[in-house]
Protein backbone atom coordinates (compact mmCIF):
# COMPACT_ATOMS: atom_id res chain seq x y z
CA UNK A 1 9.97 -18.72 15.79
CA UNK A 2 12.70 -16.65 14.12
CA UNK A 3 15.96 -17.09 16.02
CA UNK A 4 18.36 -15.71 13.38
CA UNK A 5 17.33 -12.88 11.11
CA UNK A 6 19.54 -11.92 8.17
CA UNK A 7 19.35 -8.21 7.35
CA UNK A 8 21.06 -7.05 4.13
CA UNK A 9 22.20 -3.42 4.33
CA UNK A 10 23.96 -1.31 1.72
CA UNK A 11 24.49 1.87 3.70
CA UNK A 12 21.51 3.73 2.28
CA UNK A 13 18.52 5.11 4.17
CA UNK A 14 16.35 2.85 2.04
CA UNK A 15 18.04 -0.33 3.24
CA UNK A 16 18.06 0.94 6.84
CA UNK A 17 14.26 1.35 6.78
CA UNK A 18 14.06 -2.31 7.83
CA UNK A 19 15.99 -1.72 11.07
CA UNK A 20 13.14 -0.53 13.34
CA UNK A 21 11.10 -3.55 12.23
CA UNK A 22 13.82 -6.14 12.85
CA UNK A 23 14.90 -4.52 16.11
CA UNK A 24 11.34 -4.81 17.45
CA UNK A 25 11.04 -8.34 16.11
CA UNK A 26 14.38 -9.36 17.63
CA UNK A 27 13.40 -7.91 21.00
CA UNK A 28 10.04 -9.66 21.06
CA UNK A 29 11.40 -13.03 19.89
CA UNK A 30 14.85 -12.86 21.49
CA UNK A 31 16.37 -13.26 18.03
CA UNK A 32 19.88 -12.67 16.77
CA UNK A 33 20.37 -10.19 13.94
CA UNK A 34 22.96 -10.83 11.26
CA UNK A 35 23.74 -7.69 9.29
CA UNK A 36 25.10 -8.32 5.81
CA UNK A 37 26.82 -5.94 3.44
CA UNK A 38 27.67 -7.01 -0.10
CA UNK A 39 29.98 -4.36 -1.53
CA UNK A 40 29.23 -3.52 -5.14
CA UNK A 41 32.38 -3.55 -7.25
CA UNK A 42 31.91 -0.45 -9.31
CA UNK A 43 34.62 -1.48 -11.75
CA UNK A 44 37.17 0.73 -9.99
CA UNK A 45 39.98 -1.51 -11.15
CA UNK A 46 39.14 -0.49 -14.72
CA UNK A 47 38.70 3.19 -13.95
CA UNK A 48 42.34 3.77 -13.11
CA UNK A 49 45.34 3.23 -15.37
CA UNK A 50 47.49 2.53 -12.32
CA UNK A 51 46.65 -0.79 -10.58
CA UNK A 52 48.03 0.64 -7.33
CA UNK A 53 45.50 3.47 -7.39
CA UNK A 54 42.70 0.98 -8.07
CA UNK A 55 43.85 -1.24 -5.20
CA UNK A 56 43.98 1.73 -2.83
CA UNK A 57 40.46 2.77 -3.86
CA UNK A 58 39.11 -0.74 -3.30
CA UNK A 59 40.80 -0.95 0.12
CA UNK A 60 39.25 2.39 1.08
CA UNK A 61 35.80 1.16 0.04
CA UNK A 62 36.25 -2.07 2.02
CA UNK A 63 37.22 -0.05 5.12
CA UNK A 64 34.10 2.11 4.72
CA UNK A 65 31.86 -0.99 4.45
CA UNK A 66 33.52 -2.56 7.49
CA UNK A 67 33.13 0.63 9.55
CA UNK A 68 29.51 0.99 8.49
CA UNK A 69 28.58 -2.57 9.48
CA UNK A 70 30.56 -2.40 12.74
CA UNK A 71 28.94 0.91 13.72
CA UNK A 72 25.47 -0.45 12.96
CA UNK A 73 26.14 -3.69 14.88
CA UNK A 74 27.38 -1.72 17.90
CA UNK A 75 24.32 0.53 17.80
CA UNK A 76 21.98 -2.48 17.81
CA UNK A 77 23.92 -4.21 20.59
CA UNK A 78 23.20 -1.19 22.80
CA UNK A 79 19.57 -2.31 22.65
CA UNK A 80 20.56 -5.68 24.22
CA UNK A 81 20.13 -7.56 20.97
CA UNK A 82 22.63 -10.17 19.85
CA UNK A 83 24.01 -8.89 16.56
CA UNK A 84 26.86 -9.75 14.22
CA UNK A 85 28.09 -8.26 10.97
CA UNK A 86 29.19 -9.97 7.79
CA UNK A 87 30.74 -8.59 4.64
CA UNK A 88 30.58 -10.88 1.65
CA UNK A 89 31.65 -10.38 -1.94
CA UNK A 90 29.79 -11.58 -4.98
CA UNK A 91 26.46 -11.07 -6.64
CA UNK A 92 24.09 -9.42 -4.20
CA UNK A 93 21.15 -11.84 -4.34
CA UNK A 94 23.39 -14.91 -4.38
CA UNK A 95 25.46 -13.58 -1.45
CA UNK A 96 22.29 -12.98 0.58
CA UNK A 97 20.96 -16.48 -0.07
CA UNK A 98 24.37 -18.07 0.63
CA UNK A 99 24.86 -16.14 3.86
CA UNK A 100 21.38 -17.07 5.09
CA UNK A 101 22.24 -20.73 4.55
CA UNK A 102 25.76 -20.52 6.00
CA UNK A 103 24.60 -18.66 9.13
CA UNK A 104 21.46 -20.74 9.71
CA UNK A 105 19.12 -17.78 9.30
CA UNK A 106 15.43 -18.57 9.43
CA UNK A 107 14.27 -15.19 8.09
CA UNK A 108 15.62 -12.67 5.61
CA UNK A 109 14.34 -9.14 6.27
CA UNK A 110 14.99 -6.23 3.94
CA UNK A 111 13.61 -3.02 2.54
CA UNK A 112 12.60 -2.77 -1.09
CA UNK A 113 12.02 -0.01 -3.62
CA UNK A 114 8.87 -1.81 -4.81
CA UNK A 115 9.51 -0.69 -8.37
CA UNK A 116 7.11 -1.63 -11.12
CA UNK A 117 6.78 -1.21 -14.84
CA UNK A 118 9.73 -0.10 -16.95
CA UNK A 119 12.07 0.67 -14.02
CA UNK A 120 11.56 -2.87 -12.69
CA UNK A 121 12.11 -4.35 -16.13
CA UNK A 122 15.45 -2.61 -16.63
CA UNK A 123 16.76 -2.49 -13.07
CA UNK A 124 15.51 -5.89 -11.97
CA UNK A 125 14.84 -6.54 -8.35
CA UNK A 126 17.20 -7.98 -5.78
CA UNK A 127 14.20 -8.53 -3.52
CA UNK A 128 12.36 -10.45 -6.22
CA UNK A 129 15.39 -12.67 -6.86
CA UNK A 130 15.64 -13.42 -3.16
CA UNK A 131 11.95 -14.19 -2.80
CA UNK A 132 12.15 -16.57 -5.77
CA UNK A 133 15.35 -18.27 -4.57
CA UNK A 134 14.99 -18.38 -0.81
CA UNK A 135 13.99 -21.53 1.02
CA UNK A 136 13.22 -19.50 4.16
CA UNK A 137 10.66 -16.73 4.71
CA UNK A 138 11.46 -13.25 3.41
CA UNK A 139 10.09 -10.11 5.06
CA UNK A 140 9.98 -7.09 2.73
CA UNK A 141 9.27 -3.58 3.94
CA UNK A 142 8.53 -0.71 1.61
CA UNK A 143 9.79 2.50 3.22
CA UNK A 144 7.44 5.42 3.57
CA UNK A 145 8.33 8.90 2.37
CA UNK A 146 8.20 10.26 5.94
């Protein structure tokens, strides 16, 4: 049913809470996992007066994202699951939707904070934007405190 599952990860324990679920799903359905990281540009280029320092900082961040995705991909491959990693720049929700389309994903699976009230109003929700925009199913998992 689900042959390609897109899994957005940002390097946090929260985002990684989806991994046991998609690993089990991939094993049972013989699915491919596509791990996506969308680096957040923290405005580093504006934080430094020297453009060279800003460029070095951005390169360091890109290397960290690449290492993180590669390490996670390699870990999943040890479980005999086909897995690839993608790093894409841009707005997070848009990059997730675009990557799902470009890679032919038939499911997007991710963890969510499940915020409500004022925090949801001010922070918005990447998950909500994806659910509203996606033309394919979206699996959301709310991590437990354990």
